[in-house]
Amino acid sequence: MGGYVAWKAAVDYSERVSKLILVDAAGYATTATSVPLGFKLAQIPMLSGLMANILPRRVIESSLRDV
């Protein structure tokens, strides 16, 4: 469920919602101190499709641990 939709449902039906947990804030702007290699490569349009198929699993795992 999108963040806005979840928030709107929680506001509109507050009697039915006691908590709302934010899991992934895609729209939340932050300034990262460092960006893992896997994420840097995924942001390059010409490489993103290619990287999805050939990027070594250990690079992905390392990038996720660094977040």
Protein backbone atom coordinates (compact mmCIF):
# COMPACT_ATOMS: atom_id res chain seq x y z
CA MET A 1 0.00 0.00 0.00
CA GLY A 2 1.35 3.43 -0.84
CA GLY A 3 2.33 5.67 2.03
CA TYR A 4 -0.20 8.35 1.18
CA VAL A 5 -3.01 5.83 0.81
CA ALA A 6 -2.10 4.20 4.13
CA TRP A 7 -1.90 7.57 5.85
CA LYS A 8 -5.23 8.68 4.35
CA ALA A 9 -6.94 5.44 5.40
CA ALA A 10 -5.54 5.84 8.93
CA VAL A 11 -6.87 9.41 9.12
CA ASP A 12 -10.26 8.59 7.59
CA TYR A 13 -10.77 5.46 9.70
CA SER A 14 -8.91 6.41 12.86
CA GLU A 15 -11.31 4.35 14.97
CA ARG A 16 -10.08 1.23 13.16
CA VAL A 17 -6.35 2.05 13.03
CA SER A 18 -4.26 2.14 16.18
CA LYS A 19 -0.81 2.23 14.56
CA LEU A 20 0.76 2.97 11.20
CA ILE A 21 4.26 1.66 10.57
CA LEU A 22 6.50 3.19 7.93
CA VAL A 23 8.58 0.46 6.27
CA ASP A 24 10.09 2.10 3.20
CA ALA A 25 9.91 5.85 2.74
CA ALA A 26 10.57 6.27 -0.97
CA GLY A 27 9.29 9.84 -0.91
CA TYR A 28 11.19 10.79 2.21
CA ALA A 29 14.15 12.92 1.18
CA THR A 30 17.37 12.18 2.99
CA THR A 31 20.98 12.99 2.36
CA ALA A 32 23.03 9.82 2.51
CA THR A 33 26.55 10.01 3.84
CA SER A 34 27.53 7.16 1.53
CA VAL A 35 25.73 5.22 -1.18
CA PRO A 36 26.55 1.52 -1.59
CA LEU A 37 28.01 0.42 -4.93
CA GLY A 38 24.97 -1.66 -5.87
CA PHE A 39 22.68 1.34 -5.45
CA LYS A 40 25.01 3.61 -7.43
CA LEU A 41 25.05 1.15 -10.33
CA ALA A 42 21.27 0.70 -10.20
CA GLN A 43 20.79 4.47 -10.61
CA ILE A 44 22.55 4.52 -14.00
CA PRO A 45 19.73 4.05 -16.56
CA MET A 46 21.85 2.24 -19.15
CA LEU A 47 23.26 -0.16 -16.55
CA SER A 48 20.27 -0.87 -14.33
CA GLY A 49 18.74 -3.57 -16.56
CA LEU A 50 22.09 -5.19 -17.16
CA MET A 51 23.05 -5.11 -13.49
CA ALA A 52 19.79 -6.80 -12.53
CA ASN A 53 20.98 -9.86 -14.45
CA ILE A 54 24.75 -9.95 -13.85
CA LEU A 55 25.51 -8.19 -10.56
CA PRO A 56 27.13 -10.69 -8.17
CA ARG A 57 24.99 -11.63 -5.19
CA ARG A 58 27.76 -10.66 -2.75
CA VAL A 59 27.72 -7.06 -4.05
CA ILE A 60 23.95 -6.87 -3.52
CA GLU A 61 24.23 -8.38 -0.03
CA SER A 62 27.03 -5.99 0.88
CA SER A 63 25.02 -3.00 -0.38
CA LEU A 64 22.01 -4.00 1.68
CA ARG A 65 24.12 -4.41 4.82
CA ASP A 66 25.59 -0.93 4.31
CA VAL A 67 22.22 0.84 4.19
